[in-house]
Amino acid sequence: MSEMKNTLVSGLPLLNLELSDEICDTLCAFGAAMVRQNEVMNLTGITDDKGVANLHLLDSLTVMASADLSGKTLIDVGCGAGFPGVPLAIASGATVTLLDSLGKRMKWLESCLPQLGIEAECVTARAEEAVATRRESYDFATSRAVARLNILLELTAPYVKVGGAVLAMKGTAAKEELAECGNAMKKLGLKLEGVKEFPIDGTNHAVIVLRKVAPTPKQFPRRFAKIKQSPL
């Protein structure tokens, strides 16, 4: 067994997850494909097998460990090299949309995923623009390493149906960022359901679960420059 797969399999019990051997192989095949592509395109600073398993694959699966995604729709806003969306498409049973504004990355994902037998919709657009045709269309929205939470919520909440949830991936600063978000949550129709924490390789990984309890007003999201200049 490769070090990537061994690290992945040994980390699953920490997330209370069980995955088939076939799913683990596909996860590792995608991890290996990303490392190969990274030689010609800047996708990640993490290229060793153990790091990919811990900081990309297991980290992505914390979203699956935080909500029942099976049979649901999920959008990964600002997916970058495909995390967490691609591992969730492989393992969770959700119908996944990958959204990012960087065309080169999205073209690589569009080419790579079918070769590995992975199904996901790839959309090249800015988050605040793509929502025009996808408002409140998803059960879940997730995102990793895109922005501080008070900015991130304005970019993700408009995609989520009432009754669905934003699943925001954060690290050790999760509760600190959450403390800044009372006003944003109120304006965007969100209510805190909980913060789930997972120890991966000695580091705390958190998923903040924010339930959509009311429609997000149509004026959100604003233009990104405005969001950044004046967060909710």
C-alpha atoms as a PDB file:
ATOM      1  CA  MET A   1       0.000   0.000   0.000  1.00  0.00           C
ATOM      2  CA  SER A   2       1.343   3.434  -0.918  1.00  0.00           C
ATOM      3  CA  GLU A   3       2.137   5.916   1.845  1.00  0.00           C
ATOM      4  CA  MET A   4      -0.677   8.176   0.589  1.00  0.00           C
ATOM      5  CA  LYS A   5      -3.258   5.423   0.821  1.00  0.00           C
ATOM      6  CA  ASN A   6      -1.903   4.115   4.117  1.00  0.00           C
ATOM      7  CA  THR A   7      -2.106   7.614   5.656  1.00  0.00           C
ATOM      8  CA  LEU A   8      -5.607   8.114   4.254  1.00  0.00           C
ATOM      9  CA  VAL A   9      -6.923   4.782   5.535  1.00  0.00           C
ATOM     10  CA  SER A  10      -5.368   5.202   8.978  1.00  0.00           C
ATOM     11  CA  GLY A  11      -6.874   8.701   9.282  1.00  0.00           C
ATOM     12  CA  LEU A  12     -10.472   7.766   8.440  1.00  0.00           C
ATOM     13  CA  PRO A  13     -11.386   6.526  11.965  1.00  0.00           C
ATOM     14  CA  LEU A  14     -10.557  10.010  13.330  1.00  0.00           C
ATOM     15  CA  LEU A  15     -13.377  11.304  11.130  1.00  0.00           C
ATOM     16  CA  ASN A  16     -15.679   8.380  11.989  1.00  0.00           C
ATOM     17  CA  LEU A  17     -15.739   7.463   8.304  1.00  0.00           C
ATOM     18  CA  GLU A  18     -15.525   4.132   6.510  1.00  0.00           C
ATOM     19  CA  LEU A  19     -14.746   4.103   2.787  1.00  0.00           C
ATOM     20  CA  SER A  20     -14.388   1.218   0.355  1.00  0.00           C
ATOM     21  CA  ASP A  21     -11.005   0.233  -1.006  1.00  0.00           C
ATOM     22  CA  GLU A  22     -12.116   1.402  -4.450  1.00  0.00           C
ATOM     23  CA  ILE A  23     -13.021   4.883  -3.181  1.00  0.00           C
ATOM     24  CA  CYS A  24      -9.703   5.161  -1.341  1.00  0.00           C
ATOM     25  CA  ASP A  25      -7.881   4.191  -4.546  1.00  0.00           C
ATOM     26  CA  THR A  26      -9.740   6.871  -6.528  1.00  0.00           C
ATOM     27  CA  LEU A  27      -9.003   9.512  -3.883  1.00  0.00           C
ATOM     28  CA  CYS A  28      -5.307   8.644  -4.050  1.00  0.00           C
ATOM     29  CA  ALA A  29      -5.361   8.567  -7.859  1.00  0.00           C
ATOM     30  CA  PHE A  30      -6.663  12.137  -7.848  1.00  0.00           C
ATOM     31  CA  GLY A  31      -4.061  13.156  -5.256  1.00  0.00           C
ATOM     32  CA  ALA A  32      -1.307  11.663  -7.415  1.00  0.00           C
ATOM     33  CA  ALA A  33      -2.680  13.342 -10.569  1.00  0.00           C
ATOM     34  CA  MET A  34      -2.617  16.716  -8.799  1.00  0.00           C
ATOM     35  CA  VAL A  35       1.018  16.188  -7.733  1.00  0.00           C
ATOM     36  CA  ARG A  36       1.988  15.339 -11.324  1.00  0.00           C
ATOM     37  CA  GLN A  37       0.176  18.379 -12.722  1.00  0.00           C
ATOM     38  CA  ASN A  38       1.809  20.553 -10.082  1.00  0.00           C
ATOM     39  CA  GLU A  39       5.110  20.084 -11.935  1.00  0.00           C
ATOM     40  CA  VAL A  40       3.799  22.311 -14.742  1.00  0.00           C
ATOM     41  CA  MET A  41       1.098  24.347 -12.951  1.00  0.00           C
ATOM     42  CA  ASN A  42       1.023  25.943  -9.512  1.00  0.00           C
ATOM     43  CA  LEU A  43      -1.663  23.911  -7.714  1.00  0.00           C
ATOM     44  CA  THR A  44      -0.250  23.168  -4.261  1.00  0.00           C
ATOM     45  CA  GLY A  45       2.766  23.546  -2.015  1.00  0.00           C
ATOM     46  CA  ILE A  46       2.043  20.106  -0.553  1.00  0.00           C
ATOM     47  CA  THR A  47       3.382  17.310  -2.741  1.00  0.00           C
ATOM     48  CA  ASP A  48       4.565  14.502  -0.417  1.00  0.00           C
ATOM     49  CA  ASP A  49       2.270  11.487  -0.087  1.00  0.00           C
ATOM     50  CA  LYS A  50       1.620  11.904   3.626  1.00  0.00           C
ATOM     51  CA  GLY A  51       0.943  15.625   3.280  1.00  0.00           C
ATOM     52  CA  VAL A  52      -1.467  15.116   0.369  1.00  0.00           C
ATOM     53  CA  ALA A  53      -3.373  12.473   2.338  1.00  0.00           C
ATOM     54  CA  ASN A  54      -3.609  14.558   5.520  1.00  0.00           C
ATOM     55  CA  LEU A  55      -3.881  18.119   4.273  1.00  0.00           C
ATOM     56  CA  HIS A  56      -5.852  17.596   1.067  1.00  0.00           C
ATOM     57  CA  LEU A  57      -7.777  14.299   1.167  1.00  0.00           C
ATOM     58  CA  LEU A  58      -8.610  13.845   4.863  1.00  0.00           C
ATOM     59  CA  ASP A  59      -9.039  17.597   5.297  1.00  0.00           C
ATOM     60  CA  SER A  60     -11.629  17.589   2.488  1.00  0.00           C
ATOM     61  CA  LEU A  61     -13.460  14.631   3.994  1.00  0.00           C
ATOM     62  CA  THR A  62     -14.099  16.583   7.227  1.00  0.00           C
ATOM     63  CA  VAL A  63     -16.975  18.180   5.274  1.00  0.00           C
ATOM     64  CA  MET A  64     -18.479  14.737   4.666  1.00  0.00           C
ATOM     65  CA  ALA A  65     -18.007  13.950   8.354  1.00  0.00           C
ATOM     66  CA  SER A  66     -19.954  17.091   9.294  1.00  0.00           C
ATOM     67  CA  ALA A  67     -23.160  16.588   7.280  1.00  0.00           C
ATOM     68  CA  ASP A  68     -25.014  13.861   5.409  1.00  0.00           C
ATOM     69  CA  LEU A  69     -24.231  14.748   1.796  1.00  0.00           C
ATOM     70  CA  SER A  70     -25.536  11.578   0.167  1.00  0.00           C
ATOM     71  CA  GLY A  71     -28.031  12.357  -2.595  1.00  0.00           C
ATOM     72  CA  LYS A  72     -27.646  16.109  -2.016  1.00  0.00           C
ATOM     73  CA  THR A  73     -26.247  18.924  -4.173  1.00  0.00           C
ATOM     74  CA  LEU A  74     -23.091  20.759  -3.128  1.00  0.00           C
ATOM     75  CA  ILE A  75     -21.079  23.639  -4.583  1.00  0.00           C
ATOM     76  CA  ASP A  76     -17.402  24.148  -3.759  1.00  0.00           C
ATOM     77  CA  VAL A  77     -16.846  27.897  -4.040  1.00  0.00           C
ATOM     78  CA  GLY A  78     -13.260  28.735  -5.009  1.00  0.00           C
ATOM     79  CA  CYS A  79     -12.266  25.105  -5.468  1.00  0.00           C
ATOM     80  CA  GLY A  80      -8.664  25.788  -6.511  1.00  0.00           C
ATOM     81  CA  ALA A  81      -7.031  22.464  -7.336  1.00  0.00           C
ATOM     82  CA  GLY A  82     -10.282  20.680  -6.479  1.00  0.00           C
ATOM     83  CA  PHE A  83     -10.435  20.615  -2.694  1.00  0.00           C
ATOM     84  CA  PRO A  84     -12.686  19.819  -0.974  1.00  0.00           C
ATOM     85  CA  GLY A  85     -15.030  19.319  -3.925  1.00  0.00           C
ATOM     86  CA  VAL A  86     -13.324  16.487  -5.798  1.00  0.00           C
ATOM     87  CA  PRO A  87     -12.831  14.194  -2.754  1.00  0.00           C
ATOM     88  CA  LEU A  88     -16.474  14.865  -1.844  1.00  0.00           C
ATOM     89  CA  ALA A  89     -17.570  13.978  -5.386  1.00  0.00           C
ATOM     90  CA  ILE A  90     -15.632  10.718  -5.067  1.00  0.00           C
ATOM     91  CA  ALA A  91     -16.659   9.698  -1.565  1.00  0.00           C
ATOM     92  CA  SER A  92     -19.850  11.385  -0.360  1.00  0.00           C
ATOM     93  CA  GLY A  93     -22.588  10.517  -2.828  1.00  0.00           C
ATOM     94  CA  ALA A  94     -23.298  14.227  -3.425  1.00  0.00           C
ATOM     95  CA  THR A  95     -23.746  15.854  -6.824  1.00  0.00           C
ATOM     96  CA  VAL A  96     -20.871  18.342  -6.834  1.00  0.00           C
ATOM     97  CA  THR A  97     -20.268  21.613  -8.670  1.00  0.00           C
ATOM     98  CA  LEU A  98     -16.704  22.973  -8.704  1.00  0.00           C
ATOM     99  CA  LEU A  99     -16.510  26.755  -9.055  1.00  0.00           C
ATOM    100  CA  ASP A 100     -13.357  28.792  -9.568  1.00  0.00           C
ATOM    101  CA  SER A 101     -12.378  31.850 -11.583  1.00  0.00           C
ATOM    102  CA  LEU A 102      -8.986  30.524 -12.714  1.00  0.00           C
ATOM    103  CA  GLY A 103      -9.486  29.034 -16.184  1.00  0.00           C
ATOM    104  CA  LYS A 104      -6.262  26.984 -16.325  1.00  0.00           C
ATOM    105  CA  ARG A 105      -7.132  25.050 -13.174  1.00  0.00           C
ATOM    106  CA  MET A 106     -10.675  24.426 -14.307  1.00  0.00           C
ATOM    107  CA  LYS A 107      -9.535  23.194 -17.741  1.00  0.00           C
ATOM    108  CA  TRP A 108      -7.197  20.754 -15.999  1.00  0.00           C
ATOM    109  CA  LEU A 109     -10.032  19.499 -13.774  1.00  0.00           C
ATOM    110  CA  GLU A 110     -12.357  19.156 -16.786  1.00  0.00           C
ATOM    111  CA  SER A 111      -9.714  17.007 -18.483  1.00  0.00           C
ATOM    112  CA  CYS A 112      -8.513  15.031 -15.450  1.00  0.00           C
ATOM    113  CA  LEU A 113     -11.751  14.044 -13.715  1.00  0.00           C
ATOM    114  CA  PRO A 114     -13.336  12.003 -16.554  1.00  0.00           C
ATOM    115  CA  GLN A 115     -10.067  10.094 -16.973  1.00  0.00           C
ATOM    116  CA  LEU A 116     -10.361   8.988 -13.328  1.00  0.00           C
ATOM    117  CA  GLY A 117     -14.080   8.234 -13.566  1.00  0.00           C
ATOM    118  CA  ILE A 118     -15.007  11.169 -11.317  1.00  0.00           C
ATOM    119  CA  GLU A 119     -18.236  13.085 -11.984  1.00  0.00           C
ATOM    120  CA  ALA A 120     -18.443  16.786 -11.129  1.00  0.00           C
ATOM    121  CA  GLU A 121     -19.619  19.917 -12.905  1.00  0.00           C
ATOM    122  CA  CYS A 122     -16.814  22.437 -13.535  1.00  0.00           C
ATOM    123  CA  VAL A 123     -17.774  26.116 -13.734  1.00  0.00           C
ATOM    124  CA  THR A 124     -15.238  28.848 -14.512  1.00  0.00           C
ATOM    125  CA  ALA A 125     -16.573  32.078 -13.007  1.00  0.00           C
ATOM    126  CA  ARG A 126     -16.287  34.428 -10.071  1.00  0.00           C
ATOM    127  CA  ALA A 127     -18.463  33.447  -7.117  1.00  0.00           C
ATOM    128  CA  GLU A 128     -20.317  36.761  -7.010  1.00  0.00           C
ATOM    129  CA  GLU A 129     -21.169  36.477 -10.731  1.00  0.00           C
ATOM    130  CA  ALA A 130     -22.081  32.786 -11.133  1.00  0.00           C
ATOM    131  CA  VAL A 131     -24.762  33.104  -8.456  1.00  0.00           C
ATOM    132  CA  ALA A 132     -26.981  35.007 -10.910  1.00  0.00           C
ATOM    133  CA  THR A 133     -28.173  31.710 -12.429  1.00  0.00           C
ATOM    134  CA  ARG A 134     -27.624  29.474  -9.381  1.00  0.00           C
ATOM    135  CA  ARG A 135     -29.134  31.392  -6.460  1.00  0.00           C
ATOM    136  CA  GLU A 136     -30.465  29.131  -3.696  1.00  0.00           C
ATOM    137  CA  SER A 137     -29.972  26.058  -5.909  1.00  0.00           C
ATOM    138  CA  TYR A 138     -27.825  23.871  -3.633  1.00  0.00           C
ATOM    139  CA  ASP A 139     -28.305  21.898  -0.433  1.00  0.00           C
ATOM    140  CA  PHE A 140     -24.776  22.765   0.677  1.00  0.00           C
ATOM    141  CA  ALA A 141     -22.011  25.231  -0.134  1.00  0.00           C
ATOM    142  CA  THR A 142     -18.476  24.702   1.077  1.00  0.00           C
ATOM    143  CA  SER A 143     -15.161  26.464   0.680  1.00  0.00           C
ATOM    144  CA  ARG A 144     -11.585  26.210   1.866  1.00  0.00           C
ATOM    145  CA  ALA A 145      -8.889  28.873   2.220  1.00  0.00           C
ATOM    146  CA  VAL A 146     -10.742  31.496   0.167  1.00  0.00           C
ATOM    147  CA  ALA A 147     -11.284  34.321   2.678  1.00  0.00           C
ATOM    148  CA  ARG A 148     -12.041  35.165   6.286  1.00  0.00           C
ATOM    149  CA  LEU A 149     -15.426  33.861   7.345  1.00  0.00           C
ATOM    150  CA  ASN A 150     -17.290  37.200   7.312  1.00  0.00           C
ATOM    151  CA  ILE A 151     -16.300  37.596   3.635  1.00  0.00           C
ATOM    152  CA  LEU A 152     -16.736  33.921   2.761  1.00  0.00           C
ATOM    153  CA  LEU A 153     -20.332  33.781   3.998  1.00  0.00           C
ATOM    154  CA  GLU A 154     -21.441  36.505   1.588  1.00  0.00           C
ATOM    155  CA  LEU A 155     -19.934  34.502  -1.291  1.00  0.00           C
ATOM    156  CA  THR A 156     -21.426  31.130  -0.275  1.00  0.00           C
ATOM    157  CA  ALA A 157     -24.791  31.743   1.457  1.00  0.00           C
ATOM    158  CA  PRO A 158     -26.612  32.989  -1.680  1.00  0.00           C
ATOM    159  CA  TYR A 159     -26.072  29.582  -3.333  1.00  0.00           C
ATOM    160  CA  VAL A 160     -27.786  27.632  -0.538  1.00  0.00           C
ATOM    161  CA  LYS A 161     -31.472  26.704  -0.377  1.00  0.00           C
ATOM    162  CA  VAL A 162     -33.410  27.561   2.763  1.00  0.00           C
ATOM    163  CA  GLY A 163     -33.002  24.490   4.968  1.00  0.00           C
ATOM    164  CA  GLY A 164     -29.543  23.752   3.560  1.00  0.00           C
ATOM    165  CA  ALA A 165     -26.234  24.810   5.073  1.00  0.00           C
ATOM    166  CA  VAL A 166     -22.914  26.500   4.508  1.00  0.00           C
ATOM    167  CA  LEU A 167     -20.097  24.153   5.571  1.00  0.00           C
ATOM    168  CA  ALA A 168     -17.124  26.463   6.058  1.00  0.00           C
ATOM    169  CA  MET A 169     -13.707  24.833   6.428  1.00  0.00           C
ATOM    170  CA  LYS A 170     -11.396  26.562   8.875  1.00  0.00           C
ATOM    171  CA  GLY A 171      -8.352  25.811  11.003  1.00  0.00           C
ATOM    172  CA  THR A 172      -7.390  26.849  14.494  1.00  0.00           C
ATOM    173  CA  ALA A 173      -8.853  30.351  14.026  1.00  0.00           C
ATOM    174  CA  ALA A 174     -12.386  29.019  13.414  1.00  0.00           C
ATOM    175  CA  LYS A 175     -13.967  30.343  16.609  1.00  0.00           C
ATOM    176  CA  GLU A 176     -12.134  33.653  16.371  1.00  0.00           C
ATOM    177  CA  GLU A 177     -13.446  34.216  12.838  1.00  0.00           C
ATOM    178  CA  LEU A 178     -16.920  33.076  13.861  1.00  0.00           C
ATOM    179  CA  ALA A 179     -17.007  35.766  16.565  1.00  0.00           C
ATOM    180  CA  GLU A 180     -16.809  38.404  13.783  1.00  0.00           C
ATOM    181  CA  CYS A 181     -19.817  37.024  11.905  1.00  0.00           C
ATOM    182  CA  GLY A 182     -22.936  37.801  13.948  1.00  0.00           C
ATOM    183  CA  ASN A 183     -24.022  40.613  11.625  1.00  0.00           C
ATOM    184  CA  ALA A 184     -23.204  38.686   8.448  1.00  0.00           C
ATOM    185  CA  MET A 185     -25.168  35.635   9.604  1.00  0.00           C
ATOM    186  CA  LYS A 186     -28.218  37.752  10.430  1.00  0.00           C
ATOM    187  CA  LYS A 187     -28.182  39.629   7.102  1.00  0.00           C
ATOM    188  CA  LEU A 188     -27.568  36.528   4.980  1.00  0.00           C
ATOM    189  CA  GLY A 189     -30.218  34.288   6.582  1.00  0.00           C
ATOM    190  CA  LEU A 190     -27.838  31.960   8.426  1.00  0.00           C
ATOM    191  CA  LYS A 191     -27.891  30.476  11.915  1.00  0.00           C
ATOM    192  CA  LEU A 192     -24.965  28.730  13.616  1.00  0.00           C
ATOM    193  CA  GLU A 193     -25.635  25.036  14.082  1.00  0.00           C
ATOM    194  CA  GLY A 194     -22.230  24.032  15.424  1.00  0.00           C
ATOM    195  CA  VAL A 195     -18.479  23.829  14.993  1.00  0.00           C
ATOM    196  CA  LYS A 196     -17.114  20.338  14.344  1.00  0.00           C
ATOM    197  CA  GLU A 197     -13.442  19.789  15.074  1.00  0.00           C
ATOM    198  CA  PHE A 198     -11.193  17.024  13.770  1.00  0.00           C
ATOM    199  CA  PRO A 199      -7.591  16.286  14.770  1.00  0.00           C
ATOM    200  CA  ILE A 200      -5.578  15.397  11.665  1.00  0.00           C
ATOM    201  CA  ASP A 201      -1.863  14.740  12.072  1.00  0.00           C
ATOM    202  CA  GLY A 202      -1.787  16.735  15.308  1.00  0.00           C
ATOM    203  CA  THR A 203      -3.508  19.810  13.836  1.00  0.00           C
ATOM    204  CA  ASN A 204      -7.076  20.929  14.466  1.00  0.00           C
ATOM    205  CA  HIS A 205      -9.348  21.106  11.418  1.00  0.00           C
ATOM    206  CA  ALA A 206     -12.788  22.650  11.853  1.00  0.00           C
ATOM    207  CA  VAL A 207     -16.010  22.757   9.870  1.00  0.00           C
ATOM    208  CA  ILE A 208     -18.434  25.525  10.819  1.00  0.00           C
ATOM    209  CA  VAL A 209     -22.019  24.446  10.077  1.00  0.00           C
ATOM    210  CA  LEU A 210     -24.331  27.394   9.365  1.00  0.00           C
ATOM    211  CA  ARG A 211     -27.956  26.519   8.614  1.00  0.00           C
ATOM    212  CA  LYS A 212     -29.865  28.603   6.043  1.00  0.00           C
ATOM    213  CA  VAL A 213     -33.023  29.696   7.877  1.00  0.00           C
ATOM    214  CA  ALA A 214     -34.210  32.511   5.575  1.00  0.00           C
ATOM    215  CA  PRO A 215     -33.627  33.582   1.960  1.00  0.00           C
ATOM    216  CA  THR A 216     -30.533  35.711   1.337  1.00  0.00           C
ATOM    217  CA  PRO A 217     -31.601  39.201   0.204  1.00  0.00           C
ATOM    218  CA  LYS A 218     -31.058  39.801  -3.518  1.00  0.00           C
ATOM    219  CA  GLN A 219     -28.465  42.562  -2.952  1.00  0.00           C
ATOM    220  CA  PHE A 220     -26.000  39.899  -1.744  1.00  0.00           C
ATOM    221  CA  PRO A 221     -23.389  39.055  -2.829  1.00  0.00           C
ATOM    222  CA  ARG A 222     -22.028  42.504  -3.632  1.00  0.00           C
ATOM    223  CA  ARG A 223     -19.056  43.053  -5.934  1.00  0.00           C
ATOM    224  CA  PHE A 224     -15.960  41.438  -4.421  1.00  0.00           C
ATOM    225  CA  ALA A 225     -14.091  44.728  -4.071  1.00  0.00           C
ATOM    226  CA  LYS A 226     -17.008  46.032  -1.984  1.00  0.00           C
ATOM    227  CA  ILE A 227     -17.215  42.838   0.101  1.00  0.00           C
ATOM    228  CA  LYS A 228     -13.511  43.038   0.872  1.00  0.00           C
ATOM    229  CA  GLN A 229     -13.560  46.762   1.574  1.00  0.00           C
ATOM    230  CA  SER A 230     -16.617  46.599   3.833  1.00  0.00           C
ATOM    231  CA  PRO A 231     -17.341  43.078   5.193  1.00  0.00           C
ATOM    232  CA  LEU A 232     -20.771  42.530   6.721  1.00  0.00           C
END
